Amino acid sequence: MSNCMNVINAIPKADFLIKSLAEQGYTLEAAIADLIDNSVTANSNVIQVLIDSDIEPFQLFLADNGDGMSSDELIHNMQFPSSSPEGERAQLDLGRFGLG
């Protein structure tokens, strides 16, 4: 069986990174709020947050039924950060969590 893995370059965008890092102070609560915000923005109407506390450190899983992303959108969004924290947001975007 062959092991097929694609490696994709996701170099940070320096100007976005500097602004985003200046706004750090990320808590677990803010990280979860960021993920839920992303789900709502992607038109989710079902969001599940599951926690496995039987292991240390605990594991957290978040699933939704949102619109998802194309391969190109996923690659773009894996860059750290993918957009400027000062950029214009969609009307239904709930907030400015995270690193873009």
PDB file of N, CA and C in Angstrom:
ATOM      1  N   MET A   1       0.847  -1.171   0.000  1.00  0.00           N
ATOM      2  CA  MET A   1       0.000   0.000   0.000  1.00  0.00           C
ATOM      3  C   MET A   1       0.892   1.233   0.000  1.00  0.00           C
ATOM      4  N   SER A   2       0.658   2.171  -0.915  1.00  0.00           N
ATOM      5  CA  SER A   2       1.496   3.368  -0.975  1.00  0.00           C
ATOM      6  C   SER A   2       0.952   4.434  -0.030  1.00  0.00           C
ATOM      7  N   ASN A   3       1.855   5.215   0.491  1.00  0.00           N
ATOM      8  CA  ASN A   3       1.495   6.304   1.395  1.00  0.00           C
ATOM      9  C   ASN A   3       1.533   7.592   0.581  1.00  0.00           C
ATOM     10  N   CYS A   4       0.373   8.129   0.223  1.00  0.00           N
ATOM     11  CA  CYS A   4       0.286   9.317  -0.618  1.00  0.00           C
ATOM     12  C   CYS A   4      -0.002  10.530   0.263  1.00  0.00           C
ATOM     13  N   MET A   5       0.922  11.483   0.279  1.00  0.00           N
ATOM     14  CA  MET A   5       0.735  12.683   1.078  1.00  0.00           C
ATOM     15  C   MET A   5       1.191  13.878   0.270  1.00  0.00           C
ATOM     16  N   ASN A   6       0.338  14.882   0.174  1.00  0.00           N
ATOM     17  CA  ASN A   6       0.707  16.120  -0.502  1.00  0.00           C
ATOM     18  C   ASN A   6       1.145  17.133   0.539  1.00  0.00           C
ATOM     19  N   VAL A   7       2.257  17.781   0.295  1.00  0.00           N
ATOM     20  CA  VAL A   7       2.737  18.838   1.171  1.00  0.00           C
ATOM     21  C   VAL A   7       2.496  20.156   0.452  1.00  0.00           C
ATOM     22  N   ILE A   8       1.812  21.058   1.127  1.00  0.00           N
ATOM     23  CA  ILE A   8       1.466  22.341   0.535  1.00  0.00           C
ATOM     24  C   ILE A   8       2.080  23.447   1.368  1.00  0.00           C
ATOM     25  N   ASN A   9       2.750  24.369   0.709  1.00  0.00           N
ATOM     26  CA  ASN A   9       3.398  25.488   1.373  1.00  0.00           C
ATOM     27  C   ASN A   9       2.346  26.481   1.863  1.00  0.00           C
ATOM     28  N   ALA A  10       2.390  26.855   3.137  1.00  0.00           N
ATOM     29  CA  ALA A  10       1.453  27.822   3.722  1.00  0.00           C
ATOM     30  C   ALA A  10       2.245  28.865   4.495  1.00  0.00           C
ATOM     31  N   ILE A  11       3.046  29.631   3.781  1.00  0.00           N
ATOM     32  CA  ILE A  11       3.889  30.659   4.401  1.00  0.00           C
ATOM     33  C   ILE A  11       3.006  31.764   4.965  1.00  0.00           C
ATOM     34  N   PRO A  12       3.232  32.196   6.217  1.00  0.00           N
ATOM     35  CA  PRO A  12       2.421  33.269   6.805  1.00  0.00           C
ATOM     36  C   PRO A  12       2.535  34.564   6.023  1.00  0.00           C
ATOM     37  N   LYS A  13       1.464  35.338   6.028  1.00  0.00           N
ATOM     38  CA  LYS A  13       1.467  36.671   5.440  1.00  0.00           C
ATOM     39  C   LYS A  13       1.934  37.628   6.523  1.00  0.00           C
ATOM     40  N   ALA A  14       3.121  38.169   6.364  1.00  0.00           N
ATOM     41  CA  ALA A  14       3.789  38.914   7.436  1.00  0.00           C
ATOM     42  C   ALA A  14       2.956  40.063   7.987  1.00  0.00           C
ATOM     43  N   ASP A  15       2.328  40.864   7.124  1.00  0.00           N
ATOM     44  CA  ASP A  15       1.583  42.017   7.626  1.00  0.00           C
ATOM     45  C   ASP A  15       0.374  41.583   8.444  1.00  0.00           C
ATOM     46  N   PHE A  16      -0.321  40.533   8.034  1.00  0.00           N
ATOM     47  CA  PHE A  16      -1.452  40.027   8.802  1.00  0.00           C
ATOM     48  C   PHE A  16      -0.968  39.393  10.110  1.00  0.00           C
ATOM     49  N   LEU A  17       0.151  38.681  10.043  1.00  0.00           N
ATOM     50  CA  LEU A  17       0.676  37.976  11.215  1.00  0.00           C
ATOM     51  C   LEU A  17       1.041  38.945  12.325  1.00  0.00           C
ATOM     52  N   ILE A  18       1.721  40.027  11.975  1.00  0.00           N
ATOM     53  CA  ILE A  18       2.137  41.000  12.989  1.00  0.00           C
ATOM     54  C   ILE A  18       0.926  41.586  13.705  1.00  0.00           C
ATOM     55  N   LYS A  19      -0.104  41.978  12.953  1.00  0.00           N
ATOM     56  CA  LYS A  19      -1.319  42.545  13.562  1.00  0.00           C
ATOM     57  C   LYS A  19      -2.041  41.512  14.413  1.00  0.00           C
ATOM     58  N   SER A  20      -2.119  40.277  13.934  1.00  0.00           N
ATOM     59  CA  SER A  20      -2.823  39.235  14.667  1.00  0.00           C
ATOM     60  C   SER A  20      -2.110  38.867  15.961  1.00  0.00           C
ATOM     61  N   LEU A  21      -0.787  38.758  15.912  1.00  0.00           N
ATOM     62  CA  LEU A  21      -0.035  38.404  17.114  1.00  0.00           C
ATOM     63  C   LEU A  21      -0.136  39.494  18.173  1.00  0.00           C
ATOM     64  N   ALA A  22      -0.274  40.739  17.738  1.00  0.00           N
ATOM     65  CA  ALA A  22      -0.406  41.846  18.685  1.00  0.00           C
ATOM     66  C   ALA A  22      -1.711  41.763  19.465  1.00  0.00           C
ATOM     67  N   GLU A  23      -2.689  41.032  18.940  1.00  0.00           N
ATOM     68  CA  GLU A  23      -3.998  40.932  19.577  1.00  0.00           C
ATOM     69  C   GLU A  23      -4.180  39.619  20.332  1.00  0.00           C
ATOM     70  N   GLN A  24      -3.098  38.926  20.648  1.00  0.00           N
ATOM     71  CA  GLN A  24      -3.203  37.633  21.320  1.00  0.00           C
ATOM     72  C   GLN A  24      -3.657  37.784  22.770  1.00  0.00           C
ATOM     73  N   GLY A  25      -3.848  36.686  23.423  1.00  0.00           N
ATOM     74  CA  GLY A  25      -4.408  36.607  24.745  1.00  0.00           C
ATOM     75  C   GLY A  25      -5.558  35.613  24.661  1.00  0.00           C
ATOM     76  N   TYR A  26      -5.375  34.655  23.773  1.00  0.00           N
ATOM     77  CA  TYR A  26      -6.390  33.672  23.417  1.00  0.00           C
ATOM     78  C   TYR A  26      -6.621  32.699  24.559  1.00  0.00           C
ATOM     79  N   THR A  27      -7.853  32.574  25.010  1.00  0.00           N
ATOM     80  CA  THR A  27      -8.222  31.600  26.030  1.00  0.00           C
ATOM     81  C   THR A  27      -8.916  30.420  25.353  1.00  0.00           C
ATOM     82  N   LEU A  28      -9.109  29.347  26.095  1.00  0.00           N
ATOM     83  CA  LEU A  28      -9.854  28.207  25.565  1.00  0.00           C
ATOM     84  C   LEU A  28     -11.262  28.645  25.170  1.00  0.00           C
ATOM     85  N   GLU A  29     -11.872  29.462  26.005  1.00  0.00           N
ATOM     86  CA  GLU A  29     -13.219  29.941  25.714  1.00  0.00           C
ATOM     87  C   GLU A  29     -13.256  30.736  24.410  1.00  0.00           C
ATOM     88  N   ALA A  30     -12.254  31.590  24.192  1.00  0.00           N
ATOM     89  CA  ALA A  30     -12.196  32.377  22.963  1.00  0.00           C
ATOM     90  C   ALA A  30     -11.952  31.476  21.754  1.00  0.00           C
ATOM     91  N   ALA A  31     -11.133  30.435  21.915  1.00  0.00           N
ATOM     92  CA  ALA A  31     -10.868  29.509  20.814  1.00  0.00           C
ATOM     93  C   ALA A  31     -12.145  28.768  20.417  1.00  0.00           C
ATOM     94  N   ILE A  32     -12.916  28.323  21.393  1.00  0.00           N
ATOM     95  CA  ILE A  32     -14.177  27.634  21.099  1.00  0.00           C
ATOM     96  C   ILE A  32     -15.160  28.606  20.460  1.00  0.00           C
ATOM     97  N   ALA A  33     -15.228  29.831  20.978  1.00  0.00           N
ATOM     98  CA  ALA A  33     -16.102  30.846  20.385  1.00  0.00           C
ATOM     99  C   ALA A  33     -15.702  31.116  18.940  1.00  0.00           C
ATOM    100  N   ASP A  34     -14.406  31.132  18.655  1.00  0.00           N
ATOM    101  CA  ASP A  34     -13.907  31.337  17.298  1.00  0.00           C
ATOM    102  C   ASP A  34     -14.408  30.231  16.379  1.00  0.00           C
ATOM    103  N   LEU A  35     -14.292  28.984  16.821  1.00  0.00           N
ATOM    104  CA  LEU A  35     -14.742  27.855  16.000  1.00  0.00           C
ATOM    105  C   LEU A  35     -16.251  27.900  15.763  1.00  0.00           C
ATOM    106  N   ILE A  36     -17.010  28.227  16.800  1.00  0.00           N
ATOM    107  CA  ILE A  36     -18.461  28.315  16.652  1.00  0.00           C
ATOM    108  C   ILE A  36     -18.832  29.472  15.732  1.00  0.00           C
ATOM    109  N   ASP A  37     -18.130  30.594  15.859  1.00  0.00           N
ATOM    110  CA  ASP A  37     -18.346  31.733  14.971  1.00  0.00           C
ATOM    111  C   ASP A  37     -18.117  31.325  13.516  1.00  0.00           C
ATOM    112  N   ASN A  38     -17.052  30.575  13.271  1.00  0.00           N
ATOM    113  CA  ASN A  38     -16.773  30.106  11.916  1.00  0.00           C
ATOM    114  C   ASN A  38     -17.888  29.197  11.408  1.00  0.00           C
ATOM    115  N   SER A  39     -18.418  28.353  12.283  1.00  0.00           N
ATOM    116  CA  SER A  39     -19.504  27.454  11.894  1.00  0.00           C
ATOM    117  C   SER A  39     -20.757  28.236  11.510  1.00  0.00           C
ATOM    118  N   VAL A  40     -21.115  29.221  12.323  1.00  0.00           N
ATOM    119  CA  VAL A  40     -22.293  30.036  12.039  1.00  0.00           C
ATOM    120  C   VAL A  40     -22.103  30.806  10.729  1.00  0.00           C
ATOM    121  N   THR A  41     -20.909  31.355  10.532  1.00  0.00           N
ATOM    122  CA  THR A  41     -20.608  32.086   9.300  1.00  0.00           C
ATOM    123  C   THR A  41     -20.744  31.176   8.080  1.00  0.00           C
ATOM    124  N   ALA A  42     -20.469  29.875   8.252  1.00  0.00           N
ATOM    125  CA  ALA A  42     -20.574  28.899   7.162  1.00  0.00           C
ATOM    126  C   ALA A  42     -21.983  28.317   7.059  1.00  0.00           C
ATOM    127  N   ASN A  43     -22.971  29.018   7.626  1.00  0.00           N
ATOM    128  CA  ASN A  43     -24.389  28.645   7.521  1.00  0.00           C
ATOM    129  C   ASN A  43     -24.756  27.367   8.253  1.00  0.00           C
ATOM    130  N   SER A  44     -24.044  27.037   9.319  1.00  0.00           N
ATOM    131  CA  SER A  44     -24.390  25.858  10.122  1.00  0.00           C
ATOM    132  C   SER A  44     -25.652  26.143  10.928  1.00  0.00           C
ATOM    133  N   ASN A  45     -26.507  25.121  11.033  1.00  0.00           N
ATOM    134  CA  ASN A  45     -27.619  25.218  11.965  1.00  0.00           C
ATOM    135  C   ASN A  45     -27.571  24.094  12.991  1.00  0.00           C
ATOM    136  N   VAL A  46     -26.536  23.256  12.887  1.00  0.00           N
ATOM    137  CA  VAL A  46     -26.249  22.222  13.883  1.00  0.00           C
ATOM    138  C   VAL A  46     -24.757  22.284  14.179  1.00  0.00           C
ATOM    139  N   ILE A  47     -24.415  22.509  15.438  1.00  0.00           N
ATOM    140  CA  ILE A  47     -23.009  22.554  15.864  1.00  0.00           C
ATOM    141  C   ILE A  47     -22.881  21.652  17.081  1.00  0.00           C
ATOM    142  N   GLN A  48     -21.942  20.717  17.026  1.00  0.00           N
ATOM    143  CA  GLN A  48     -21.710  19.813  18.146  1.00  0.00           C
ATOM    144  C   GLN A  48     -20.332  20.063  18.724  1.00  0.00           C
ATOM    145  N   VAL A  49     -20.274  20.215  20.039  1.00  0.00           N
ATOM    146  CA  VAL A  49     -19.009  20.340  20.747  1.00  0.00           C
ATOM    147  C   VAL A  49     -18.922  19.137  21.679  1.00  0.00           C
ATOM    148  N   LEU A  50     -17.931  18.290  21.452  1.00  0.00           N
ATOM    149  CA  LEU A  50     -17.755  17.070  22.239  1.00  0.00           C
ATOM    150  C   LEU A  50     -16.414  17.123  22.940  1.00  0.00           C
ATOM    151  N   ILE A  51     -16.376  16.687  24.183  1.00  0.00           N
ATOM    152  CA  ILE A  51     -15.145  16.689  24.963  1.00  0.00           C
ATOM    153  C   ILE A  51     -14.903  15.282  25.503  1.00  0.00           C
ATOM    154  N   ASP A  52     -13.702  14.770  25.270  1.00  0.00           N
ATOM    155  CA  ASP A  52     -13.282  13.498  25.844  1.00  0.00           C
ATOM    156  C   ASP A  52     -12.354  13.819  27.006  1.00  0.00           C
ATOM    157  N   SER A  53     -12.893  13.756  28.215  1.00  0.00           N
ATOM    158  CA  SER A  53     -12.113  14.102  29.406  1.00  0.00           C
ATOM    159  C   SER A  53     -11.524  12.868  30.081  1.00  0.00           C
ATOM    160  N   ASP A  54     -11.653  11.705  29.442  1.00  0.00           N
ATOM    161  CA  ASP A  54     -11.101  10.476  30.014  1.00  0.00           C
ATOM    162  C   ASP A  54      -9.600  10.367  29.819  1.00  0.00           C
ATOM    163  N   ILE A  55      -9.026  11.237  28.993  1.00  0.00           N
ATOM    164  CA  ILE A  55      -7.586  11.208  28.764  1.00  0.00           C
ATOM    165  C   ILE A  55      -6.996  12.565  29.116  1.00  0.00           C
ATOM    166  N   GLU A  56      -5.708  12.576  29.377  1.00  0.00           N
ATOM    167  CA  GLU A  56      -5.004  13.811  29.730  1.00  0.00           C
ATOM    168  C   GLU A  56      -3.936  14.089  28.691  1.00  0.00           C
ATOM    169  N   PRO A  57      -3.865  15.234  28.036  1.00  0.00           N
ATOM    170  CA  PRO A  57      -4.848  16.307  28.145  1.00  0.00           C
ATOM    171  C   PRO A  57      -6.139  15.935  27.425  1.00  0.00           C
ATOM    172  N   PHE A  58      -7.237  16.571  27.822  1.00  0.00           N
ATOM    173  CA  PHE A  58      -8.527  16.256  27.223  1.00  0.00           C
ATOM    174  C   PHE A  58      -8.518  16.578  25.729  1.00  0.00           C
ATOM    175  N   GLN A  59      -9.445  15.969  25.009  1.00  0.00           N
ATOM    176  CA  GLN A  59      -9.596  16.253  23.580  1.00  0.00           C
ATOM    177  C   GLN A  59     -10.948  16.901  23.352  1.00  0.00           C
ATOM    178  N   LEU A  60     -10.959  17.883  22.467  1.00  0.00           N
ATOM    179  CA  LEU A  60     -12.184  18.590  22.133  1.00  0.00           C
ATOM    180  C   LEU A  60     -12.442  18.412  20.648  1.00  0.00           C
ATOM    181  N   PHE A  61     -13.677  18.106  20.299  1.00  0.00           N
ATOM    182  CA  PHE A  61     -14.075  17.915  18.908  1.00  0.00           C
ATOM    183  C   PHE A  61     -15.218  18.868  18.607  1.00  0.00           C
ATOM    184  N   LEU A  62     -15.172  19.512  17.461  1.00  0.00           N
ATOM    185  CA  LEU A  62     -16.257  20.369  17.040  1.00  0.00           C
ATOM    186  C   LEU A  62     -16.669  19.957  15.633  1.00  0.00           C
ATOM    187  N   ALA A  63     -17.951  19.734  15.434  1.00  0.00           N
ATOM    188  CA  ALA A  63     -18.469  19.347  14.122  1.00  0.00           C
ATOM    189  C   ALA A  63     -19.681  20.213  13.800  1.00  0.00           C
ATOM    190  N   ASP A  64     -19.867  20.487  12.511  1.00  0.00           N
ATOM    191  CA  ASP A  64     -21.031  21.267  12.113  1.00  0.00           C
ATOM    192  C   ASP A  64     -21.510  20.801  10.744  1.00  0.00           C
ATOM    193  N   ASN A  65     -22.641  21.324  10.331  1.00  0.00           N
ATOM    194  CA  ASN A  65     -23.182  20.990   9.017  1.00  0.00           C
ATOM    195  C   ASN A  65     -23.108  22.200   8.078  1.00  0.00           C
ATOM    196  N   GLY A  66     -22.069  23.006   8.241  1.00  0.00           N
ATOM    197  CA  GLY A  66     -21.888  24.206   7.427  1.00  0.00           C
ATOM    198  C   GLY A  66     -21.518  23.894   5.990  1.00  0.00           C
ATOM    199  N   ASP A  67     -21.297  24.962   5.244  1.00  0.00           N
ATOM    200  CA  ASP A  67     -21.047  24.852   3.809  1.00  0.00           C
ATOM    201  C   ASP A  67     -19.726  24.179   3.467  1.00  0.00           C
ATOM    202  N   GLY A  68     -18.771  24.173   4.369  1.00  0.00           N
ATOM    203  CA  GLY A  68     -17.477  23.559   4.084  1.00  0.00           C
ATOM    204  C   GLY A  68     -16.621  24.450   3.207  1.00  0.00           C
ATOM    205  N   MET A  69     -15.482  23.928   2.796  1.00  0.00           N
ATOM    206  CA  MET A  69     -14.531  24.693   1.990  1.00  0.00           C
ATOM    207  C   MET A  69     -14.068  23.857   0.818  1.00  0.00           C
ATOM    208  N   SER A  70     -13.739  24.560  -0.262  1.00  0.00           N
ATOM    209  CA  SER A  70     -13.090  23.891  -1.395  1.00  0.00           C
ATOM    210  C   SER A  70     -11.634  23.620  -0.999  1.00  0.00           C
ATOM    211  N   SER A  71     -10.933  22.848  -1.798  1.00  0.00           N
ATOM    212  CA  SER A  71      -9.514  22.581  -1.527  1.00  0.00           C
ATOM    213  C   SER A  71      -8.716  23.874  -1.496  1.00  0.00           C
ATOM    214  N   ASP A  72      -8.986  24.779  -2.446  1.00  0.00           N
ATOM    215  CA  ASP A  72      -8.266  26.054  -2.494  1.00  0.00           C
ATOM    216  C   ASP A  72      -8.557  26.903  -1.264  1.00  0.00           C
ATOM    217  N   GLU A  73      -9.826  26.937  -0.827  1.00  0.00           N
ATOM    218  CA  GLU A  73     -10.174  27.700   0.380  1.00  0.00           C
ATOM    219  C   GLU A  73      -9.488  27.114   1.608  1.00  0.00           C
ATOM    220  N   LEU A  74      -9.437  25.795   1.707  1.00  0.00           N
ATOM    221  CA  LEU A  74      -8.778  25.148   2.842  1.00  0.00           C
ATOM    222  C   LEU A  74      -7.302  25.511   2.882  1.00  0.00           C
ATOM    223  N   ILE A  75      -6.623  25.455   1.742  1.00  0.00           N
ATOM    224  CA  ILE A  75      -5.206  25.801   1.692  1.00  0.00           C
ATOM    225  C   ILE A  75      -5.000  27.251   2.100  1.00  0.00           C
ATOM    226  N   HIS A  76      -5.821  28.158   1.575  1.00  0.00           N
ATOM    227  CA  HIS A  76      -5.719  29.579   1.933  1.00  0.00           C
ATOM    228  C   HIS A  76      -5.936  29.781   3.431  1.00  0.00           C
ATOM    229  N   ASN A  77      -6.944  29.122   3.982  1.00  0.00           N
ATOM    230  CA  ASN A  77      -7.286  29.312   5.393  1.00  0.00           C
ATOM    231  C   ASN A  77      -6.319  28.632   6.356  1.00  0.00           C
ATOM    232  N   MET A  78      -5.478  27.738   5.856  1.00  0.00           N
ATOM    233  CA  MET A  78      -4.474  27.110   6.714  1.00  0.00           C
ATOM    234  C   MET A  78      -3.259  28.006   6.909  1.00  0.00           C
ATOM    235  N   GLN A  79      -3.157  29.087   6.122  1.00  0.00           N
ATOM    236  CA  GLN A  79      -2.071  30.031   6.339  1.00  0.00           C
ATOM    237  C   GLN A  79      -2.333  30.785   7.636  1.00  0.00           C
ATOM    238  N   PHE A  80      -1.289  31.175   8.304  1.00  0.00           N
ATOM    239  CA  PHE A  80      -1.366  31.754   9.650  1.00  0.00           C
ATOM    240  C   PHE A  80      -0.940  33.206   9.614  1.00  0.00           C
ATOM    241  N   PRO A  81      -1.827  34.154   9.707  1.00  0.00           N
ATOM    242  CA  PRO A  81      -3.285  34.094   9.566  1.00  0.00           C
ATOM    243  C   PRO A  81      -3.661  34.189   8.093  1.00  0.00           C
ATOM    244  N   SER A  82      -4.909  33.852   7.784  1.00  0.00           N
ATOM    245  CA  SER A  82      -5.339  33.834   6.387  1.00  0.00           C
ATOM    246  C   SER A  82      -5.888  35.175   5.923  1.00  0.00           C
ATOM    247  N   SER A  83      -6.214  36.063   6.855  1.00  0.00           N
ATOM    248  CA  SER A  83      -6.749  37.368   6.468  1.00  0.00           C
ATOM    249  C   SER A  83      -6.375  38.403   7.517  1.00  0.00           C
ATOM    250  N   SER A  84      -6.505  39.656   7.150  1.00  0.00           N
ATOM    251  CA  SER A  84      -6.173  40.743   8.064  1.00  0.00           C
ATOM    252  C   SER A  84      -7.223  40.856   9.161  1.00  0.00           C
ATOM    253  N   PRO A  85      -6.801  41.045  10.417  1.00  0.00           N
ATOM    254  CA  PRO A  85      -7.775  41.225  11.494  1.00  0.00           C
ATOM    255  C   PRO A  85      -8.551  42.533  11.346  1.00  0.00           C
ATOM    256  N   GLU A  86      -8.071  43.436  10.496  1.00  0.00           N
ATOM    257  CA  GLU A  86      -8.742  44.711  10.284  1.00  0.00           C
ATOM    258  C   GLU A  86      -9.647  44.684   9.051  1.00  0.00           C
ATOM    259  N   GLY A  87      -9.687  43.566   8.350  1.00  0.00           N
ATOM    260  CA  GLY A  87     -10.461  43.469   7.119  1.00  0.00           C
ATOM    261  C   GLY A  87     -11.953  43.517   7.368  1.00  0.00           C
ATOM    262  N   GLU A  88     -12.690  43.832   6.315  1.00  0.00           N
ATOM    263  CA  GLU A  88     -14.152  43.884   6.396  1.00  0.00           C
ATOM    264  C   GLU A  88     -14.692  42.470   6.536  1.00  0.00           C
ATOM    265  N   ARG A  89     -15.697  42.316   7.380  1.00  0.00           N
ATOM    266  CA  ARG A  89     -16.298  41.010   7.644  1.00  0.00           C
ATOM    267  C   ARG A  89     -17.658  40.904   6.977  1.00  0.00           C
ATOM    268  N   ALA A  90     -18.087  39.675   6.740  1.00  0.00           N
ATOM    269  CA  ALA A  90     -19.431  39.438   6.207  1.00  0.00           C
ATOM    270  C   ALA A  90     -20.460  39.914   7.221  1.00  0.00           C
ATOM    271  N   GLN A  91     -21.628  40.296   6.743  1.00  0.00           N
ATOM    272  CA  GLN A  91     -22.667  40.851   7.603  1.00  0.00           C
ATOM    273  C   GLN A  91     -23.060  39.891   8.731  1.00  0.00           C
ATOM    274  N   LEU A  92     -23.072  38.591   8.459  1.00  0.00           N
ATOM    275  CA  LEU A  92     -23.485  37.617   9.476  1.00  0.00           C
ATOM    276  C   LEU A  92     -22.336  37.109  10.337  1.00  0.00           C
ATOM    277  N   ASP A  93     -21.117  37.584  10.098  1.00  0.00           N
ATOM    278  CA  ASP A  93     -19.968  37.180  10.906  1.00  0.00           C
ATOM    279  C   ASP A  93     -20.157  37.754  12.307  1.00  0.00           C
ATOM    280  N   LEU A  94     -20.097  36.897  13.324  1.00  0.00           N
ATOM    281  CA  LEU A  94     -20.443  37.316  14.680  1.00  0.00           C
ATOM    282  C   LEU A  94     -19.373  38.151  15.377  1.00  0.00           C
ATOM    283  N   GLY A  95     -18.118  37.974  15.022  1.00  0.00           N
ATOM    284  CA  GLY A  95     -17.100  38.693  15.767  1.00  0.00           C
ATOM    285  C   GLY A  95     -15.742  38.600  15.151  1.00  0.00           C
ATOM    286  N   ARG A  96     -14.770  39.077  15.877  1.00  0.00           N
ATOM    287  CA  ARG A  96     -13.392  39.086  15.419  1.00  0.00           C
ATOM    288  C   ARG A  96     -12.564  38.219  16.354  1.00  0.00           C
ATOM    289  N   PHE A  97     -12.780  36.931  16.267  1.00  0.00           N
ATOM    290  CA  PHE A  97     -12.023  35.992  17.071  1.00  0.00           C
ATOM    291  C   PHE A  97     -10.810  35.525  16.280  1.00  0.00           C
ATOM    292  N   GLY A  98      -9.815  35.074  16.980  1.00  0.00           N
ATOM    293  CA  GLY A  98      -8.751  34.301  16.357  1.00  0.00           C
ATOM    294  C   GLY A  98      -7.764  35.073  15.521  1.00  0.00           C
ATOM    295  N   LEU A  99      -7.104  34.327  14.655  1.00  0.00           N
ATOM    296  CA  LEU A  99      -6.000  34.855  13.860  1.00  0.00           C
ATOM    297  C   LEU A  99      -6.356  35.031  12.406  1.00  0.00           C
ATOM    298  N   GLY A 100      -7.611  34.987  12.051  1.00  0.00           N
ATOM    299  CA  GLY A 100      -8.003  35.198  10.654  1.00  0.00           C
ATOM    300  C   GLY A 100      -7.972  33.949   9.848  1.00  0.00           C
TER     301      GLY A 100
END
